[in-house]
Amino acid sequence: MSMYVVGHKIPDSDSICGAIALSYLKNQIGEPATPARLGDVSPETAFILEKFGFEAPEFKESYAGEDVYIVDHSELTQAPDDISEATIVGIVDHHKLGDLTTATPLECWIRPVGCSNTIIKMMYDFHNVEIPKNIAGIMMCAILSDTVIFKSPTCTTADIKCVEALAEIAGVEDFKALGMEMFKVKSAVEGTPVRDLVMRDFKDFNMNGSKVGIGQLEVIDLAVFDDIKADLEADIAAMKAEGERHTMMLLLTDIMKEGSEVLVISDNHSLTEQAYGKASVEGRVWLDGVLSRKKQVVPNLQKVFEA
């Protein structure tokens, strides 16, 4: 039986590129697989796919009765809504262990690295499968995206070595320049509906029974938000009410200044002070050095909710 390889809801480049790369690997080792996605591709991901000649994977929301290989998460809130009716055959992830459970044994590749595609590169090496030039290109870009061109605290030596190896396969001489091109695409927000921006890289988390939504927009200059910041704040307030969330946070991340301005609305008005030692003022707080939602934002929040 063929499996579907799919990342999380509101997929980022790691989820999309990982689904494509892992599906190719699985097919090469005699395990039929089809890449899929749970949402629209972001402008950055579209840029990556076009550059290396790929179409976006099949959009598929229902997986009841299917074999599913999960990429880039292990959270129920980020999985297909009917995942309980599917058979999870594997997980590749680089985040904290979530709350997905299975009734049957499964393959798990979980490593504390900056990107799922770094782990997928390790899987190619393990199975001794040659990576095609175009797949190497999208894997490389996914790692550059997730590690913020190696600036993120999640970045490891493994991520850097994998990018260097994949760049050589893909024939990319200046991968850092390509990474900056990607982030320039991310920084182009003018004319984009506010809700689309909030949802561009958004994840819901279950924190001790409370629903917490966290979005992130990574740009090369926060000035691009000057004219729309109030609109972004109004929209996260609306999303909090619509989704019955305890907290909504939107990280406006400046990759050049290496920090994030966080827009926050929460039932706990002292949440950022408890989590990060800095109180928000009128729903805004600057967190110097904070680039990673996974490593620097979520763990501190969870400690507050579990206290």
Protein backbone atom coordinates (compact mmCIF):
# COMPACT_ATOMS: atom_id res chain seq x y z
CA MET A 1 0.00 0.00 0.00
CA SER A 2 1.30 3.44 -0.92
CA MET A 3 1.86 5.99 1.83
CA TYR A 4 1.35 9.73 1.88
CA VAL A 5 4.19 11.89 3.18
CA VAL A 6 2.87 15.11 4.66
CA GLY A 7 3.99 17.93 6.94
CA HIS A 8 2.00 20.15 9.26
CA LYS A 9 -0.95 22.45 8.68
CA ILE A 10 0.01 25.84 7.22
CA PRO A 11 3.12 24.22 5.78
CA ASP A 12 6.49 25.94 5.64
CA SER A 13 9.38 25.14 3.32
CA ASP A 14 10.66 22.34 5.56
CA SER A 15 7.28 20.57 5.46
CA ILE A 16 6.83 20.90 1.70
CA CYS A 17 10.40 20.20 0.63
CA GLY A 18 10.68 17.43 3.20
CA ALA A 19 7.57 15.69 1.86
CA ILE A 20 8.99 15.77 -1.67
CA ALA A 21 12.48 14.64 -0.64
CA LEU A 22 11.32 11.86 1.66
CA SER A 23 8.81 10.54 -0.88
CA TYR A 24 11.56 10.23 -3.49
CA LEU A 25 13.77 8.36 -1.02
CA LYS A 26 10.99 5.99 -0.04
CA ASN A 27 10.20 5.22 -3.67
CA GLN A 28 13.88 4.50 -4.34
CA ILE A 29 13.99 1.88 -1.56
CA GLY A 30 10.82 0.14 -2.71
CA GLU A 31 8.30 1.82 -0.39
CA PRO A 32 5.73 3.60 -2.62
CA ALA A 33 5.10 7.14 -1.40
CA THR A 34 3.36 10.31 -2.56
CA PRO A 35 4.09 13.79 -1.22
CA ALA A 36 1.12 15.83 -0.01
CA ARG A 37 0.39 19.10 1.76
CA LEU A 38 -2.18 20.37 4.23
CA GLY A 39 -2.31 23.96 3.01
CA ASP A 40 -1.16 26.55 0.51
CA VAL A 41 2.55 27.04 -0.09
CA SER A 42 4.12 30.25 1.19
CA PRO A 43 5.77 32.78 -1.15
CA GLU A 44 9.18 31.56 0.01
CA THR A 45 8.30 27.92 -0.69
CA ALA A 46 6.88 28.84 -4.10
CA PHE A 47 10.18 30.60 -4.87
CA ILE A 48 12.16 27.48 -3.89
CA LEU A 49 9.97 25.09 -5.88
CA GLU A 50 10.06 27.27 -8.99
CA LYS A 51 13.82 27.69 -8.81
CA PHE A 52 14.40 23.94 -8.81
CA GLY A 53 11.57 22.94 -11.14
CA PHE A 54 8.95 21.42 -8.85
CA GLU A 55 5.19 21.67 -8.65
CA ALA A 56 3.62 21.90 -5.21
CA PRO A 57 2.63 18.49 -3.80
CA GLU A 58 -0.98 17.33 -3.93
CA PHE A 59 -3.32 19.21 -1.57
CA LYS A 60 -5.02 16.60 0.57
CA GLU A 61 -6.94 17.15 3.82
CA SER A 62 -8.41 13.70 4.57
CA TYR A 63 -6.22 10.69 5.34
CA ALA A 64 -8.71 8.25 6.86
CA GLY A 65 -7.71 4.69 5.97
CA GLU A 66 -4.34 5.79 4.55
CA ASP A 67 -0.75 5.08 5.59
CA VAL A 68 0.84 8.40 6.55
CA TYR A 69 4.45 9.41 7.14
CA ILE A 70 4.56 12.64 9.17
CA VAL A 71 7.24 15.27 8.49
CA ASP A 72 8.29 18.23 10.64
CA HIS A 73 6.05 17.75 13.70
CA SER A 74 4.44 15.22 16.02
CA GLU A 75 1.52 17.34 17.26
CA LEU A 76 -2.18 16.51 17.00
CA THR A 77 -3.04 20.18 16.53
CA GLN A 78 -0.80 20.33 13.44
CA ALA A 79 -1.80 16.97 11.92
CA PRO A 80 -4.68 16.15 9.56
CA ASP A 81 -8.01 16.39 11.39
CA ASP A 82 -8.73 12.69 10.77
CA ILE A 83 -5.23 11.43 11.64
CA SER A 84 -6.76 9.10 14.26
CA GLU A 85 -8.36 7.18 11.38
CA ALA A 86 -5.05 6.81 9.54
CA THR A 87 -2.03 4.59 10.18
CA ILE A 88 1.05 6.60 11.03
CA VAL A 89 3.97 4.62 9.61
CA GLY A 90 6.74 7.09 10.44
CA ILE A 91 7.78 10.48 11.78
CA VAL A 92 10.72 12.68 10.81
CA ASP A 93 11.01 15.67 13.11
CA HIS A 94 13.32 18.12 14.83
CA HIS A 95 10.90 19.59 17.39
CA LYS A 96 9.87 18.53 20.87
CA LEU A 97 8.01 15.22 21.05
CA GLY A 98 4.31 15.98 20.67
CA ASP A 99 1.12 14.10 21.46
CA LEU A 100 0.62 11.93 18.37
CA THR A 101 0.22 8.29 19.35
CA THR A 102 -0.03 5.09 17.31
CA ALA A 103 -1.55 1.64 17.66
CA THR A 104 1.23 -0.01 15.64
CA PRO A 105 5.04 0.25 15.55
CA LEU A 106 6.47 2.99 13.39
CA GLU A 107 9.74 4.36 12.05
CA CYS A 108 11.00 7.46 13.88
CA TRP A 109 13.86 9.73 12.91
CA ILE A 110 13.94 12.52 15.49
CA ARG A 111 17.07 14.59 16.00
CA PRO A 112 17.83 17.91 17.80
CA VAL A 113 18.90 19.71 14.62
CA GLY A 114 17.74 22.85 12.87
CA CYS A 115 15.62 21.30 10.12
CA SER A 116 13.80 18.09 9.18
CA ASN A 117 15.59 18.09 5.84
CA THR A 118 18.89 17.69 7.67
CA ILE A 119 17.51 14.44 9.07
CA ILE A 120 16.23 13.40 5.64
CA LYS A 121 19.75 13.93 4.27
CA MET A 122 20.94 11.52 7.00
CA MET A 123 18.30 9.03 5.82
CA TYR A 124 19.58 9.24 2.24
CA ASP A 125 23.08 8.55 3.54
CA PHE A 126 21.87 5.64 5.68
CA HIS A 127 20.13 4.01 2.71
CA ASN A 128 23.00 4.91 0.35
CA VAL A 129 20.63 6.60 -2.10
CA GLU A 130 21.96 9.30 -4.43
CA ILE A 131 20.17 12.65 -4.11
CA PRO A 132 19.09 14.18 -7.43
CA LYS A 133 20.34 17.69 -8.15
CA ASN A 134 16.92 19.36 -7.94
CA ILE A 135 15.95 17.59 -4.70
CA ALA A 136 19.29 18.54 -3.17
CA GLY A 137 18.46 22.14 -4.03
CA ILE A 138 15.11 22.25 -2.25
CA MET A 139 16.50 20.38 0.77
CA MET A 140 19.35 22.89 1.02
CA CYS A 141 16.92 25.81 0.85
CA ALA A 142 14.67 24.33 3.52
CA ILE A 143 17.64 24.05 5.89
CA LEU A 144 18.73 27.62 5.14
CA SER A 145 15.19 28.78 5.85
CA ASP A 146 14.72 26.91 9.13
CA THR A 147 18.17 27.86 10.46
CA VAL A 148 17.82 31.50 9.29
CA ILE A 149 20.98 31.06 7.21
CA PHE A 150 22.75 29.50 10.23
CA LYS A 151 21.86 32.39 12.60
CA SER A 152 19.21 30.50 14.57
CA PRO A 153 20.21 28.93 17.90
CA THR A 154 18.68 25.72 16.55
CA CYS A 155 21.43 25.47 13.92
CA THR A 156 23.93 22.66 14.45
CA THR A 157 27.14 21.51 12.80
CA ALA A 158 25.07 18.81 11.10
CA ASP A 159 22.85 21.44 9.44
CA ILE A 160 25.85 23.36 8.13
CA LYS A 161 27.56 20.22 6.81
CA CYS A 162 24.37 19.08 5.12
CA VAL A 163 23.89 22.45 3.40
CA GLU A 164 27.47 22.39 2.14
CA ALA A 165 27.05 18.86 0.78
CA LEU A 166 23.65 19.58 -0.77
CA ALA A 167 24.91 22.82 -2.35
CA GLU A 168 27.66 20.87 -4.07
CA ILE A 169 25.17 18.33 -5.40
CA ALA A 170 22.79 21.10 -6.53
CA GLY A 171 25.56 23.11 -8.16
CA VAL A 172 24.92 26.19 -6.01
CA GLU A 173 28.15 28.12 -5.45
CA ASP A 174 26.92 30.85 -3.08
CA PHE A 175 24.22 29.28 -0.93
CA LYS A 176 24.18 32.20 1.52
CA ALA A 177 23.32 34.59 -1.29
CA LEU A 178 20.48 32.28 -2.29
CA GLY A 179 19.35 32.26 1.34
CA MET A 180 19.18 36.08 1.31
CA GLU A 181 17.09 35.94 -1.88
CA MET A 182 14.65 33.68 -0.03
CA PHE A 183 14.38 36.06 2.91
CA LYS A 184 13.83 39.01 0.56
CA VAL A 185 10.83 37.09 -0.79
CA LYS A 186 9.66 36.59 2.81
CA SER A 187 10.06 40.32 3.46
CA ALA A 188 7.72 41.34 0.64
CA VAL A 189 4.51 41.93 2.62
CA GLU A 190 3.00 44.90 0.77
CA GLY A 191 -0.42 44.14 -0.65
CA THR A 192 -0.77 40.85 1.20
CA PRO A 193 -3.98 40.50 3.26
CA VAL A 194 -3.30 40.76 6.98
CA ARG A 195 -4.81 37.35 7.77
CA ASP A 196 -2.59 35.77 5.14
CA LEU A 197 0.45 37.31 6.83
CA VAL A 198 -0.57 36.12 10.30
CA MET A 199 -1.19 32.62 8.94
CA ARG A 200 1.94 32.48 6.77
CA ASP A 201 3.93 30.56 9.38
CA PHE A 202 1.46 29.78 12.14
CA LYS A 203 1.10 26.88 14.55
CA ASP A 204 -1.36 26.00 17.32
CA PHE A 205 -0.05 24.30 20.45
CA ASN A 206 -1.82 22.49 23.26
CA MET A 207 -0.16 23.75 26.43
CA ASN A 208 -1.50 21.85 29.41
CA GLY A 209 -5.03 22.04 28.03
CA SER A 210 -4.79 25.65 26.81
CA LYS A 211 -4.75 26.45 23.10
CA VAL A 212 -1.90 28.78 22.16
CA GLY A 213 -1.40 30.11 18.64
CA ILE A 214 2.03 31.36 17.60
CA GLY A 215 2.86 32.90 14.22
CA GLN A 216 6.17 34.16 12.93
CA LEU A 217 7.17 36.51 10.13
CA GLU A 218 10.89 36.63 9.35
CA VAL A 219 12.08 39.67 7.44
CA ILE A 220 15.29 41.59 6.80
CA ASP A 221 13.88 44.89 8.12
CA LEU A 222 10.98 45.34 10.58
CA ALA A 223 10.16 48.68 8.96
CA VAL A 224 8.03 46.74 6.43
CA PHE A 225 5.45 46.34 9.23
CA ASP A 226 5.26 50.01 10.26
CA ASP A 227 2.06 50.75 8.36
CA ILE A 228 0.27 47.49 9.17
CA LYS A 229 1.29 46.65 12.73
CA ALA A 230 -2.02 47.86 14.20
CA ASP A 231 -3.88 45.73 11.65
CA LEU A 232 -1.79 42.70 12.61
CA GLU A 233 -2.64 43.27 16.27
CA ALA A 234 -6.35 43.55 15.48
CA ASP A 235 -6.22 40.31 13.51
CA ILE A 236 -4.49 38.25 16.20
CA ALA A 237 -7.12 39.52 18.64
CA ALA A 238 -9.82 38.32 16.24
CA MET A 239 -8.08 34.95 15.82
CA LYS A 240 -7.88 34.54 19.60
CA ALA A 241 -11.65 34.91 19.86
CA GLU A 242 -12.45 32.87 16.75
CA GLY A 243 -10.32 29.92 17.83
CA GLU A 244 -11.12 30.13 21.54
CA ARG A 245 -7.41 30.47 22.21
CA HIS A 246 -5.89 31.36 25.57
CA THR A 247 -3.05 33.23 23.87
CA MET A 248 -2.10 34.54 20.45
CA MET A 249 1.46 35.60 19.66
CA LEU A 250 2.98 36.91 16.46
CA LEU A 251 6.76 37.12 16.22
CA LEU A 252 8.04 39.83 13.91
CA THR A 253 11.60 38.59 13.48
CA ASP A 254 14.39 40.80 12.15
CA ILE A 255 17.07 38.42 10.89
CA MET A 256 19.61 41.21 10.52
CA LYS A 257 19.17 42.65 14.04
CA GLU A 258 18.74 39.07 15.33
CA GLY A 259 15.71 39.59 17.52
CA SER A 260 11.93 39.61 17.50
CA GLU A 261 9.20 42.06 18.37
CA VAL A 262 6.37 39.97 19.78
CA LEU A 263 2.76 41.04 19.44
CA VAL A 264 0.76 39.27 22.14
CA ILE A 265 -2.79 39.06 23.40
CA SER A 266 -3.44 36.64 26.26
CA ASP A 267 -5.74 35.80 29.13
CA ASN A 268 -2.57 36.02 31.24
CA HIS A 269 -1.51 39.66 31.08
CA SER A 270 1.89 38.95 32.65
CA LEU A 271 2.69 36.04 30.32
CA THR A 272 5.77 37.48 28.61
CA GLU A 273 7.21 38.65 31.92
CA GLN A 274 6.78 35.16 33.39
CA ALA A 275 8.12 33.42 30.30
CA TYR A 276 10.90 35.74 29.14
CA GLY A 277 11.51 38.17 32.00
CA LYS A 278 10.20 41.12 29.96
CA ALA A 279 6.74 42.61 30.37
CA SER A 280 4.76 43.53 27.27
CA VAL A 281 3.72 47.16 26.90
CA GLU A 282 0.39 47.61 25.12
CA GLY A 283 0.73 44.09 23.74
CA ARG A 284 4.27 44.47 22.38
CA VAL A 285 7.68 43.33 23.63
CA TRP A 286 11.12 43.19 22.00
CA LEU A 287 13.07 39.97 22.69
CA ASP A 288 16.70 40.47 21.77
CA GLY A 289 18.41 37.43 20.25
CA VAL A 290 15.14 35.52 19.84
CA LEU A 291 14.91 33.96 16.37
CA SER A 292 13.52 30.49 17.03
CA ARG A 293 9.91 29.75 17.95
CA LYS A 294 10.83 26.11 18.53
CA LYS A 295 13.78 26.61 20.87
CA GLN A 296 13.39 30.08 22.39
CA VAL A 297 9.65 30.77 22.51
CA VAL A 298 7.65 27.57 22.98
CA PRO A 299 9.68 25.94 25.82
CA ASN A 300 9.46 29.02 28.06
CA LEU A 301 5.73 29.31 27.45
CA GLN A 302 5.14 25.67 28.29
CA LYS A 303 6.88 26.09 31.64
CA VAL A 304 4.43 28.88 32.51
CA PHE A 305 1.40 26.81 31.53
CA GLU A 306 2.65 23.79 33.43
CA ALA A 307 3.52 25.71 36.61
